[in-house]
Amino acid sequence: MNVYAHLEGCDGTFYHFGSQSEGTTTPGLLSDTDMLFTENHFNIMYSIADWKQEKLNLLMVRDADTPPQHYLLQVFRKYLPLPATCMDHPDFVTDSQGRIFLSNMAVVKRFAANYGDAHLRRGPSNSNREDTDIVAAVQCKTLPPEIMSWFTKMGQAYWPSQETFEAAKKCVCFLVPDGYHGSVNKNIEWRITPNLIERLLMFSLNIVQIKCLVVLKILKKQEFVKYIHHENCKFTSFHCKTALFSTLERTPPTVWTKCRLKECITECLQTILGFLNQGNCPHFIVEGVDLFDGKLCCECQMSLELAIHGMIQDDMHVLFHLQSDDLGQRLIDFPHEMQPYHGDDVNAGICGKLAKDMFTEYLRTCTSVSHRLCNNDEAELRISLNNEITELENLANNDSARQYHENFIRFLKKYQMSIKASTIMSHCIQSGQPDPQDIWLLYGESLNTDVASSKLKLASMLYCRGELMRAASVLHEVEFDLDDSVQPLCGCHKAYLEKNSQRYSVNTLYRMTVISN
C-alpha cells in the first residue's frame, strides 16, 4: 500500500496495528484489521521553533480545560511563523479567542465522500468494511511531555528491558481525530496515541505472555460482558493489554513460564481488580489518563469487580468453560499449557492463510496500478509504464527500503514489465510491424511473476503471430507447473485456497497463479 501510494503521488505512510499484527488473536475472537494512515504534508509543531516554510503548520495547543491526552491543532501561516488569521479552508474553525484550528471532522468528511452509503464510523476509525478499521492521523515531530515522563519512571521495574526502552525513545507518536467524549471542543480535539511504542512492547513479549493476553481477551468477550449492563459501557481489549503491561512491570520474569500460565492469568486479573477497586485504569504510557473514563461507569466497575473476585476465589475454574476456540476443552486435555489439537496442521494452515492473504494484497495492488493506466492511449501507456518501472527501480535502491518493501517492488516491477511487453506486442501484431529487438528480453524478465499468468500472455502472443508450436511449448510448460500445490487467485472474483491450504507456506508465494480478465 505504501508503494502504491508513492506511485500515486501521495505523500503518506500506512501502518498495521492491533492484534492481528501482534499475533494476539485467534479465529474465535474475530478480530478486525486495524490500519493507520498518516499524511506527511502536515508539519505538527510542539513549539514555533518547529515551523517550516510552505508546509501546513499546525501547533499543538493545550488550555487549562483541555482533557488529558488531547491537543488542539492551531493553524499557522505557510510563509511566516505566525498564527493564521484567514479562514480560507472549510475545515478550519475558530474559538472564542479568534484562534484558527483544524477540525477533526475534516477526516470524517473525506471518508464519507469516498465511501458514500458504505461509510462506517467507529470512534476515530472510518471504513467501508465491518472487519476493517482505518484511522487517519498526523505524526508528531517530538514526543510530548506526557509520554516523555514514562521514560523517567522506569526505576527498578522488571519490564520492559533497558534495550526496549532505548528503542522506544526513537519511536514517533500520532494524533488521531478523536475528541474527548464530554468536551465542548470535541470536534477540534486530537488524541495522542503512542501506537509504535505499544507495538514495540508487544513484540518484546514471550509466548506465555502472549497466551495470557489472548486468554484475557477471551474472558472479556465471553465472561466480562455478562456483568456490564449499560449499553454505552464496555471493557475493551486495550484494558486487557494495559493490565498485562502493568502486571509485567511488577512481576519477576521467572513467573512467566508455560507451567505457570494459570498463575500468570490470575496475576493479570488481580491487576484488573486493583484498577476496578480504585476506579481508575491508568494508561501504561501516557501520564494522567484514566482508561475507564467514558468507557466503564462506576456501577459496571463494581459489578465486574465482584465477578472477577469470584473467578479468582473459585481457583479460575471459569477457564474450563470457555467455548471460544475450544479453549476450555484444551485446558482440560492439557492442564499445564494450552496446546492446540493437531498442532502441526494448525500451524501449517496459518502459514497457508498468510501466503494467500499476502499474495492477494500483492495482486490487489498490481490490479489497482494497472486499472489506473487503462484509459491512456498506447503511447501514453508506454511512457507511464516506463516512468513507473524507473520509479520502482529508484525505490528498490533506496537505503531505507525494508526487505518486504524490496520483495514487493521486485514483484510489481515484473508485473509492470509484463504489461509493457504485452502492450508493445499487441501494437506490433495489429500494425503488422516486426518484433522489437528487445521484446524477448522484456518477456524473459517478466515471466516469473507467478506460475502461469505471464506465460499465458506469452502463449497468447505467439498464437496471434501464428507460431503455434512455440505457443504449444509454453502451454505445456504451464501445464507441467500446475500441480496440486498451485492455487488460483483472482483480483476480480473471490478465489480462496482449498481446505488443504496447510501445504502452502509464505515462502511459496510464487506457486500461486493469477487469474486475470
Protein backbone atom coordinates (compact mmCIF):
# COMPACT_ATOMS: atom_id res chain seq x y z
CA MET A 1 0.00 0.00 0.00
CA ASN A 2 2.90 2.36 0.70
CA VAL A 3 4.46 1.59 -2.69
CA TYR A 4 1.12 2.17 -4.41
CA ALA A 5 0.58 5.45 -2.53
CA HIS A 6 4.05 6.59 -3.63
CA LEU A 7 3.29 5.79 -7.29
CA GLU A 8 0.01 7.71 -6.92
CA GLY A 9 1.92 10.77 -5.75
CA CYS A 10 0.51 10.54 -2.23
CA ASP A 11 2.99 11.63 0.45
CA GLY A 12 1.89 9.39 3.29
CA THR A 13 2.53 6.17 5.16
CA PHE A 14 0.33 3.18 6.05
CA TYR A 15 0.79 1.19 9.26
CA HIS A 16 -0.81 -2.01 10.52
CA PHE A 17 -1.59 -2.10 14.24
CA GLY A 18 -3.73 -4.21 16.53
CA SER A 19 -3.98 -7.86 17.48
CA GLN A 20 -3.53 -9.34 14.01
CA SER A 21 -0.15 -7.67 13.52
CA GLU A 22 0.79 -8.51 17.13
CA GLY A 23 -0.21 -12.17 16.93
CA THR A 24 -2.54 -11.82 19.94
CA THR A 25 -5.79 -13.07 18.47
CA THR A 26 -7.50 -16.33 17.50
CA PRO A 27 -10.06 -17.24 14.83
CA GLY A 28 -12.77 -17.28 17.52
CA LEU A 29 -12.09 -13.68 18.57
CA LEU A 30 -12.98 -12.42 15.08
CA SER A 31 -10.52 -9.53 15.33
CA ASP A 32 -10.67 -6.55 12.99
CA THR A 33 -7.83 -5.38 10.79
CA ASP A 34 -6.51 -2.11 12.25
CA MET A 35 -4.76 0.35 9.96
CA LEU A 36 -3.43 3.86 10.39
CA PHE A 37 -2.57 6.29 7.60
CA THR A 38 -0.59 9.46 8.18
CA GLU A 39 -0.11 12.21 5.60
CA ASN A 40 3.34 13.75 5.59
CA HIS A 41 2.43 17.18 4.23
CA PHE A 42 1.34 18.29 7.71
CA ASN A 43 4.02 19.81 9.92
CA ILE A 44 2.99 19.22 13.54
CA MET A 45 4.79 21.69 15.83
CA TYR A 46 5.29 21.35 19.56
CA SER A 47 6.85 24.82 19.55
CA ILE A 48 7.11 27.62 17.00
CA ALA A 49 10.78 26.65 16.51
CA ASP A 50 9.46 23.63 14.56
CA TRP A 51 7.80 25.84 11.89
CA LYS A 52 8.61 25.05 8.24
CA GLN A 53 8.02 27.21 5.19
CA GLU A 54 5.39 26.17 2.61
CA LYS A 55 4.01 23.45 4.91
CA LEU A 56 0.60 23.26 6.55
CA ASN A 57 1.94 24.12 10.01
CA LEU A 58 -0.16 23.06 13.00
CA LEU A 59 0.83 23.95 16.56
CA MET A 60 -0.12 21.54 19.36
CA VAL A 61 -2.06 23.67 21.86
CA ARG A 62 -3.40 22.85 25.32
CA ASP A 63 -5.51 25.06 27.57
CA ALA A 64 -6.30 24.66 31.25
CA ASP A 65 -9.55 22.85 30.44
CA THR A 66 -8.12 20.60 27.67
CA PRO A 67 -8.69 16.92 28.64
CA PRO A 68 -5.68 14.64 29.28
CA GLN A 69 -4.14 13.02 26.18
CA HIS A 70 -5.73 15.66 23.91
CA TYR A 71 -4.46 18.65 21.97
CA LEU A 72 -5.90 21.29 19.64
CA LEU A 73 -4.09 21.97 16.36
CA GLN A 74 -3.75 25.70 15.75
CA VAL A 75 -3.18 26.70 12.13
CA PHE A 76 -0.07 28.76 11.31
CA ARG A 77 0.80 30.57 8.12
CA LYS A 78 2.83 28.93 5.34
CA TYR A 79 5.27 31.79 4.81
CA LEU A 80 5.58 33.33 8.29
CA PRO A 81 5.85 31.64 11.69
CA LEU A 82 2.70 33.39 12.87
CA PRO A 83 -0.83 32.16 13.66
CA ALA A 84 -3.20 32.14 10.69
CA THR A 85 -5.82 34.88 10.63
CA CYS A 86 -7.74 33.92 7.49
CA MET A 87 -10.45 31.24 7.41
CA ASP A 88 -9.50 30.10 3.90
CA HIS A 89 -10.42 26.43 4.28
CA PRO A 90 -13.75 24.76 5.13
CA ASP A 91 -12.03 22.52 7.71
CA PHE A 92 -10.82 25.48 9.78
CA VAL A 93 -12.79 26.63 12.83
CA THR A 94 -12.28 29.45 15.33
CA ASP A 95 -12.57 29.56 19.11
CA SER A 96 -13.75 32.36 21.39
CA GLN A 97 -10.28 33.95 21.27
CA GLY A 98 -10.29 34.08 17.46
CA ARG A 99 -7.65 31.39 17.08
CA ILE A 100 -7.98 29.14 14.00
CA PHE A 101 -7.85 25.36 14.47
CA LEU A 102 -8.05 22.32 12.21
CA SER A 103 -11.31 20.44 12.81
CA ASN A 104 -11.05 16.70 13.36
CA MET A 105 -14.27 16.35 11.33
CA ALA A 106 -12.22 17.00 8.18
CA VAL A 107 -11.20 13.35 8.22
CA VAL A 108 -14.78 12.15 8.63
CA LYS A 109 -15.99 14.30 5.73
CA ARG A 110 -13.29 12.95 3.43
CA PHE A 111 -14.05 9.31 4.22
CA ALA A 112 -17.80 9.92 3.96
CA ALA A 113 -17.32 11.42 0.49
CA ASN A 114 -15.15 8.48 -0.63
CA TYR A 115 -17.28 5.67 0.80
CA GLY A 116 -20.79 7.11 0.36
CA ASP A 117 -23.53 4.92 1.85
CA ALA A 118 -20.96 2.28 2.84
CA HIS A 119 -19.21 4.69 5.23
CA LEU A 120 -18.82 3.32 8.77
CA ARG A 121 -17.55 5.45 11.65
CA ARG A 122 -16.33 3.95 14.93
CA GLY A 123 -14.54 6.45 17.18
CA PRO A 124 -11.54 7.78 15.22
CA SER A 125 -11.92 4.96 12.69
CA ASN A 126 -13.57 5.31 9.30
CA SER A 127 -14.10 2.42 6.93
CA ASN A 128 -16.36 0.83 4.35
CA ARG A 129 -15.97 -2.69 5.79
CA GLU A 130 -17.14 -4.16 9.10
CA ASP A 131 -13.89 -6.07 9.62
CA THR A 132 -11.50 -3.17 8.91
CA ASP A 133 -10.74 -0.02 10.91
CA ILE A 134 -8.82 2.77 9.19
CA VAL A 135 -7.60 5.74 11.22
CA ALA A 136 -6.23 8.84 9.51
CA ALA A 137 -3.70 10.56 11.75
CA VAL A 138 -0.94 13.16 11.83
CA GLN A 139 2.57 12.41 13.06
CA CYS A 140 4.17 14.37 15.89
CA LYS A 141 7.71 15.63 15.37
CA THR A 142 8.67 15.03 19.01
CA LEU A 143 7.26 13.05 21.91
CA PRO A 144 5.09 15.30 24.13
CA PRO A 145 5.79 15.58 27.91
CA GLU A 146 3.04 13.16 28.96
CA ILE A 147 4.81 10.42 27.01
CA MET A 148 8.39 11.50 27.79
CA SER A 149 7.60 11.22 31.52
CA TRP A 150 7.17 7.46 31.03
CA PHE A 151 10.87 7.12 30.23
CA THR A 152 11.83 8.72 33.56
CA LYS A 153 9.72 6.46 35.78
CA MET A 154 11.40 3.17 34.93
CA GLY A 155 13.01 2.76 38.37
CA GLN A 156 13.52 -0.87 39.36
CA ALA A 157 10.68 -2.28 37.24
CA TYR A 158 11.07 -5.84 35.94
CA TRP A 159 9.78 -4.91 32.48
CA PRO A 160 10.33 -3.61 29.85
CA SER A 161 14.04 -4.11 29.38
CA GLN A 162 16.51 -1.25 29.04
CA GLU A 163 17.03 -2.26 25.41
CA THR A 164 13.30 -1.93 24.71
CA PHE A 165 13.23 1.44 26.46
CA GLU A 166 16.06 2.77 24.30
CA ALA A 167 14.31 1.56 21.13
CA ALA A 168 11.04 3.16 22.29
CA LYS A 169 12.72 6.56 22.59
CA LYS A 170 13.24 6.52 18.82
CA CYS A 171 9.54 5.96 18.09
CA VAL A 172 7.20 8.70 16.99
CA CYS A 173 3.63 9.14 18.15
CA PHE A 174 0.46 10.20 16.34
CA LEU A 175 -2.52 12.48 16.84
CA VAL A 176 -5.81 10.87 15.85
CA PRO A 177 -9.08 12.77 15.21
CA ASP A 178 -10.89 11.72 18.38
CA GLY A 179 -12.24 14.34 20.78
CA TYR A 180 -12.91 13.79 24.48
CA HIS A 181 -16.41 12.38 24.99
CA GLY A 182 -17.64 15.15 27.31
CA SER A 183 -15.77 18.14 25.90
CA VAL A 184 -17.29 21.30 24.41
CA ASN A 185 -14.36 21.27 21.95
CA LYS A 186 -14.91 17.64 20.94
CA ASN A 187 -14.79 18.41 17.19
CA ILE A 188 -11.40 20.15 17.29
CA GLU A 189 -9.55 17.90 19.76
CA TRP A 190 -6.95 15.34 18.66
CA ARG A 191 -5.89 12.45 20.89
CA ILE A 192 -2.25 11.36 21.34
CA THR A 193 -1.59 7.69 20.65
CA PRO A 194 1.84 6.03 21.11
CA ASN A 195 0.97 3.09 18.81
CA LEU A 196 4.54 2.39 17.74
CA ILE A 197 5.78 2.24 21.33
CA GLU A 198 2.92 -0.08 22.27
CA ARG A 199 3.68 -2.33 19.30
CA LEU A 200 7.35 -2.41 20.30
CA LEU A 201 6.31 -3.54 23.78
CA MET A 202 4.04 -6.23 22.30
CA PHE A 203 6.83 -7.55 20.08
CA SER A 204 9.03 -7.98 23.17
CA LEU A 205 6.60 -10.46 24.79
CA ASN A 206 7.34 -14.16 25.07
CA ILE A 207 4.81 -16.83 24.05
CA VAL A 208 3.45 -17.32 27.61
CA GLN A 209 2.74 -13.60 27.93
CA ILE A 210 1.01 -13.63 24.53
CA LYS A 211 -1.11 -16.62 25.57
CA CYS A 212 -2.01 -14.81 28.76
CA LEU A 213 -3.28 -11.79 26.84
CA VAL A 214 -5.26 -13.98 24.45
CA VAL A 215 -7.00 -15.68 27.40
CA LEU A 216 -7.82 -12.28 28.92
CA LYS A 217 -9.42 -11.24 25.64
CA ILE A 218 -11.48 -14.44 25.52
CA LEU A 219 -12.57 -13.89 29.14
CA LYS A 220 -13.51 -10.34 28.25
CA LYS A 221 -15.59 -11.47 25.29
CA GLN A 222 -17.35 -14.43 26.93
CA GLU A 223 -17.47 -13.67 30.67
CA PHE A 224 -16.85 -10.00 31.47
CA VAL A 225 -19.59 -8.88 29.10
CA LYS A 226 -22.19 -10.65 31.30
CA TYR A 227 -21.55 -8.15 34.10
CA ILE A 228 -21.62 -4.95 32.05
CA HIS A 229 -25.25 -3.93 31.87
CA HIS A 230 -25.15 -0.44 30.40
CA GLU A 231 -25.28 -0.14 26.62
CA ASN A 232 -22.58 2.53 26.38
CA CYS A 233 -20.16 0.73 28.71
CA LYS A 234 -17.54 -1.80 27.69
CA PHE A 235 -14.36 -3.42 28.93
CA THR A 236 -12.01 -3.43 25.95
CA SER A 237 -9.04 -5.38 24.64
CA PHE A 238 -6.92 -2.32 25.37
CA HIS A 239 -7.88 -2.62 29.04
CA CYS A 240 -6.62 -6.22 28.90
CA LYS A 241 -3.36 -5.12 27.27
CA THR A 242 -2.87 -2.38 29.87
CA ALA A 243 -3.42 -4.89 32.69
CA LEU A 244 -0.81 -7.23 31.16
CA PHE A 245 1.73 -4.41 30.83
CA SER A 246 1.22 -3.32 34.43
CA THR A 247 1.50 -6.91 35.66
CA LEU A 248 4.72 -7.48 33.72
CA GLU A 249 6.18 -4.32 35.20
CA ARG A 250 5.84 -5.63 38.79
CA THR A 251 6.30 -9.38 38.25
CA PRO A 252 9.67 -11.22 38.11
CA PRO A 253 10.44 -12.80 34.70
CA THR A 254 10.70 -16.23 36.37
CA VAL A 255 6.92 -16.25 36.84
CA TRP A 256 6.22 -16.23 33.09
CA THR A 257 6.73 -19.89 32.27
CA LYS A 258 4.33 -22.25 30.50
CA CYS A 259 3.76 -24.41 33.59
CA ARG A 260 2.53 -21.32 35.50
CA LEU A 261 0.14 -19.97 32.88
CA LYS A 262 -2.90 -20.05 35.16
CA GLU A 263 -0.94 -18.18 37.83
CA CYS A 264 0.02 -15.51 35.26
CA ILE A 265 -3.61 -15.10 34.18
CA THR A 266 -4.61 -14.76 37.84
CA GLU A 267 -1.94 -12.10 38.38
CA CYS A 268 -3.36 -10.09 35.48
CA LEU A 269 -6.88 -10.41 36.90
CA GLN A 270 -5.56 -9.17 40.24
CA THR A 271 -4.22 -6.13 38.41
CA ILE A 272 -7.64 -5.54 36.83
CA LEU A 273 -9.20 -5.89 40.30
CA GLY A 274 -6.88 -3.18 41.55
CA PHE A 275 -7.94 -0.87 38.71
CA LEU A 276 -11.64 -1.54 39.41
CA ASN A 277 -11.22 -1.09 43.17
CA GLN A 278 -9.58 2.32 42.77
CA GLY A 279 -11.98 3.30 39.97
CA ASN A 280 -9.11 4.21 37.67
CA CYS A 281 -7.27 2.38 34.89
CA PRO A 282 -4.09 4.38 34.24
CA HIS A 283 -2.67 4.36 30.73
CA PHE A 284 0.62 2.46 30.84
CA ILE A 285 2.49 5.08 28.80
CA VAL A 286 0.55 8.38 28.69
CA GLU A 287 0.54 10.14 32.02
CA GLY A 288 -2.70 11.35 33.62
CA VAL A 289 -5.14 9.25 31.54
CA ASP A 290 -7.91 7.10 33.05
CA LEU A 291 -8.92 4.44 30.51
CA PHE A 292 -12.20 3.78 32.36
CA ASP A 293 -13.30 7.38 31.73
CA GLY A 294 -16.09 7.30 29.16
CA LYS A 295 -15.79 3.50 28.80
CA LEU A 296 -16.94 1.94 32.06
CA CYS A 297 -19.29 3.59 34.59
CA CYS A 298 -18.95 3.11 38.37
CA GLU A 299 -21.87 0.68 38.53
CA CYS A 300 -20.40 -1.60 35.87
CA GLN A 301 -16.98 -1.35 37.51
CA MET A 302 -18.41 -2.62 40.80
CA SER A 303 -20.32 -5.43 39.07
CA LEU A 304 -17.23 -6.57 37.17
CA GLU A 305 -15.06 -6.33 40.27
CA LEU A 306 -17.33 -8.75 42.17
CA ALA A 307 -17.39 -11.15 39.22
CA ILE A 308 -13.60 -11.25 38.78
CA HIS A 309 -13.11 -11.64 42.53
CA GLY A 310 -15.42 -14.66 42.39
CA MET A 311 -13.46 -16.18 39.48
CA ILE A 312 -10.20 -15.94 41.42
CA GLN A 313 -11.80 -17.35 44.60
CA ASP A 314 -13.08 -20.30 42.52
CA ASP A 315 -9.49 -21.13 41.53
CA MET A 316 -10.14 -19.96 37.95
CA HIS A 317 -12.46 -22.84 37.06
CA VAL A 318 -14.09 -20.39 34.67
CA LEU A 319 -11.25 -21.17 32.25
CA PHE A 320 -12.54 -24.70 31.72
CA HIS A 321 -15.89 -23.32 30.49
CA LEU A 322 -14.51 -21.04 27.79
CA GLN A 323 -16.04 -22.01 24.46
CA SER A 324 -14.11 -19.75 22.09
CA ASP A 325 -11.60 -21.82 20.07
CA ASP A 326 -12.46 -24.83 22.29
CA LEU A 327 -10.19 -23.28 24.91
CA GLY A 328 -11.93 -24.86 27.89
CA GLN A 329 -11.65 -28.34 26.44
CA ARG A 330 -7.99 -27.81 25.59
CA LEU A 331 -7.26 -26.82 29.17
CA ILE A 332 -8.97 -29.98 30.37
CA ASP A 333 -6.89 -32.12 27.99
CA PHE A 334 -3.65 -30.18 28.61
CA PRO A 335 -3.95 -28.61 32.06
CA HIS A 336 -0.39 -27.25 32.19
CA GLU A 337 -0.33 -25.43 28.86
CA MET A 338 -2.73 -24.60 26.07
CA GLN A 339 -1.77 -26.83 23.19
CA PRO A 340 -3.97 -26.86 20.10
CA TYR A 341 -5.37 -30.03 18.64
CA HIS A 342 -3.24 -31.31 15.75
CA GLY A 343 -0.73 -28.52 16.27
CA ASP A 344 1.23 -29.18 13.07
CA ASP A 345 -1.92 -28.91 10.96
CA VAL A 346 -2.95 -25.68 12.69
CA ASN A 347 0.47 -24.08 12.20
CA ALA A 348 0.63 -25.17 8.57
CA GLY A 349 -2.89 -23.84 7.98
CA ILE A 350 -1.88 -20.46 9.39
CA CYS A 351 1.12 -20.37 7.06
CA GLY A 352 -1.18 -21.15 4.14
CA LYS A 353 -3.55 -18.34 5.09
CA LEU A 354 -0.65 -15.90 5.41
CA ALA A 355 0.57 -16.89 1.95
CA LYS A 356 -2.87 -16.44 0.44
CA ASP A 357 -3.52 -13.10 2.19
CA MET A 358 -0.15 -11.68 1.23
CA PHE A 359 -0.43 -12.71 -2.40
CA THR A 360 -4.00 -11.37 -2.56
CA GLU A 361 -2.73 -7.99 -1.36
CA TYR A 362 0.06 -8.12 -3.96
CA LEU A 363 -2.49 -8.85 -6.67
CA ARG A 364 -4.96 -6.20 -5.48
CA THR A 365 -2.28 -3.52 -5.60
CA CYS A 366 -1.00 -4.64 -9.00
CA THR A 367 -4.54 -4.60 -10.36
CA SER A 368 -5.10 -1.08 -8.98
CA VAL A 369 -1.92 0.15 -10.64
CA SER A 370 -2.97 -1.42 -13.96
CA HIS A 371 -6.54 -0.11 -13.90
CA ARG A 372 -5.27 3.40 -13.31
CA LEU A 373 -3.42 3.25 -16.64
CA CYS A 374 -6.22 1.70 -18.70
CA ASN A 375 -7.64 4.99 -20.04
CA ASN A 376 -4.32 6.03 -21.60
CA ASP A 377 -3.69 5.54 -25.29
CA GLU A 378 -0.81 3.30 -26.33
CA ALA A 379 1.87 5.98 -26.46
CA GLU A 380 0.88 7.44 -23.08
CA LEU A 381 0.67 3.95 -21.59
CA ARG A 382 4.21 3.09 -22.63
CA ILE A 383 5.51 6.37 -21.21
CA SER A 384 3.61 5.82 -17.94
CA LEU A 385 4.89 2.26 -17.64
CA ASN A 386 8.47 3.35 -18.31
CA ASN A 387 8.18 6.08 -15.67
CA GLU A 388 6.72 3.71 -13.10
CA ILE A 389 9.31 0.99 -13.75
CA THR A 390 12.06 3.61 -13.32
CA GLU A 391 10.42 4.85 -10.12
CA LEU A 392 10.21 1.29 -8.80
CA GLU A 393 13.94 0.83 -9.50
CA ASN A 394 14.65 4.02 -7.53
CA LEU A 395 12.51 2.78 -4.64
CA ALA A 396 14.27 -0.58 -4.61
CA ASN A 397 17.66 1.15 -4.42
CA ASN A 398 16.55 3.36 -1.52
CA ASP A 399 18.67 2.55 1.53
CA SER A 400 15.65 2.90 3.83
CA ALA A 401 13.62 0.27 1.95
CA ARG A 402 12.88 -2.76 4.09
CA GLN A 403 13.11 -6.33 2.91
CA TYR A 404 9.36 -6.80 2.36
CA HIS A 405 9.30 -3.47 0.55
CA GLU A 406 12.02 -4.72 -1.78
CA ASN A 407 10.23 -8.04 -2.33
CA PHE A 408 7.03 -6.34 -3.41
CA ILE A 409 8.81 -3.76 -5.55
CA ARG A 410 10.51 -6.57 -7.48
CA PHE A 411 7.16 -8.32 -7.87
CA LEU A 412 5.36 -5.18 -9.08
CA LYS A 413 8.22 -4.31 -11.45
CA LYS A 414 7.91 -7.72 -13.16
CA TYR A 415 4.14 -7.28 -13.33
CA GLN A 416 4.52 -3.86 -14.99
CA MET A 417 7.12 -5.20 -17.43
CA SER A 418 4.68 -7.98 -18.37
CA ILE A 419 2.03 -5.37 -19.19
CA LYS A 420 4.59 -3.35 -21.15
CA ALA A 421 5.64 -6.40 -23.19
CA SER A 422 2.01 -7.27 -23.97
CA THR A 423 1.24 -3.68 -24.96
CA ILE A 424 4.19 -3.47 -27.34
CA MET A 425 3.47 -6.83 -28.96
CA SER A 426 -0.25 -6.06 -29.33
CA HIS A 427 0.65 -2.91 -31.25
CA CYS A 428 3.14 -4.79 -33.46
CA ILE A 429 0.64 -7.55 -34.26
CA GLN A 430 -2.14 -5.07 -35.01
CA SER A 431 0.05 -2.88 -37.26
CA GLY A 432 1.97 -5.77 -38.88
CA GLN A 433 5.32 -4.45 -37.67
CA PRO A 434 8.24 -6.78 -36.90
CA ASP A 435 9.15 -7.72 -33.33
CA PRO A 436 11.21 -5.09 -31.49
CA GLN A 437 14.74 -6.30 -30.83
CA ASP A 438 14.42 -6.18 -27.04
CA ILE A 439 10.94 -7.71 -26.75
CA TRP A 440 12.14 -11.21 -25.87
CA LEU A 441 14.44 -9.84 -23.19
CA LEU A 442 11.47 -7.92 -21.79
CA TYR A 443 9.31 -11.03 -21.82
CA GLY A 444 12.10 -13.05 -20.22
CA GLU A 445 12.42 -10.63 -17.32
CA SER A 446 8.66 -10.63 -16.67
CA LEU A 447 7.76 -14.32 -16.97
CA ASN A 448 8.15 -15.25 -13.32
CA THR A 449 5.53 -13.01 -11.72
CA ASP A 450 3.80 -16.27 -10.74
CA VAL A 451 3.25 -19.76 -12.12
CA ALA A 452 1.07 -19.06 -15.14
CA SER A 453 -0.33 -15.60 -15.89
CA SER A 454 2.65 -14.02 -17.68
CA LYS A 455 3.39 -17.27 -19.52
CA LEU A 456 -0.23 -17.41 -20.70
CA LYS A 457 0.16 -13.88 -22.09
CA LEU A 458 3.27 -15.04 -23.95
CA ALA A 459 1.39 -18.07 -25.33
CA SER A 460 -1.44 -15.80 -26.48
CA MET A 461 1.01 -13.51 -28.26
CA LEU A 462 2.73 -16.43 -30.00
CA TYR A 463 -0.64 -17.84 -31.08
CA CYS A 464 -1.68 -14.48 -32.55
CA ARG A 465 1.55 -14.40 -34.55
CA GLY A 466 0.85 -17.87 -35.91
CA GLU A 467 3.75 -19.51 -34.05
CA LEU A 468 1.64 -22.45 -32.90
CA MET A 469 4.45 -24.83 -31.96
CA ARG A 470 6.11 -22.26 -29.69
CA ALA A 471 2.73 -21.39 -28.16
CA ALA A 472 2.08 -25.09 -27.50
CA SER A 473 5.51 -25.44 -25.90
CA VAL A 474 4.77 -22.59 -23.46
CA LEU A 475 1.35 -24.07 -22.64
CA HIS A 476 2.92 -27.48 -21.98
CA GLU A 477 5.36 -25.79 -19.58
CA VAL A 478 2.46 -24.11 -17.76
CA GLU A 479 0.56 -27.40 -17.58
CA PHE A 480 3.61 -29.12 -16.12
CA ASP A 481 3.87 -26.43 -13.39
CA LEU A 482 0.17 -26.59 -12.47
CA ASP A 483 0.45 -29.39 -9.93
CA ASP A 484 -1.62 -29.80 -6.76
CA SER A 485 0.43 -27.20 -4.88
CA VAL A 486 -0.80 -24.34 -7.12
CA GLN A 487 -3.88 -22.36 -6.16
CA PRO A 488 -5.70 -19.78 -8.33
CA LEU A 489 -6.36 -16.25 -7.13
CA CYS A 490 -8.39 -13.61 -8.93
CA GLY A 491 -8.47 -9.88 -8.44
CA CYS A 492 -11.98 -9.51 -9.83
CA HIS A 493 -13.71 -12.59 -8.40
CA LYS A 494 -13.12 -14.12 -5.00
CA ALA A 495 -10.99 -17.23 -5.11
CA TYR A 496 -9.93 -18.89 -1.89
CA LEU A 497 -7.42 -21.53 -1.02
CA GLU A 498 -8.83 -25.01 -0.68
CA LYS A 499 -9.16 -26.60 2.74
CA ASN A 500 -5.79 -28.31 2.29
CA SER A 501 -4.09 -24.92 2.40
CA GLN A 502 -1.79 -26.16 5.16
CA ARG A 503 0.55 -27.36 2.41
CA TYR A 504 1.39 -23.81 1.42
CA SER A 505 3.82 -21.53 3.18
CA VAL A 506 4.74 -17.87 2.94
CA ASN A 507 7.90 -18.95 1.10
CA THR A 508 5.85 -20.46 -1.76
CA LEU A 509 4.00 -17.36 -2.91
CA TYR A 510 5.31 -17.83 -6.41
CA ARG A 511 3.44 -21.13 -6.56
CA MET A 512 0.17 -19.22 -6.81
CA THR A 513 -1.11 -18.17 -10.19
CA VAL A 514 -3.03 -15.04 -11.07
CA ILE A 515 -6.27 -15.38 -12.98
CA SER A 516 -6.94 -12.07 -14.68
CA ASN A 517 -9.50 -10.94 -17.21
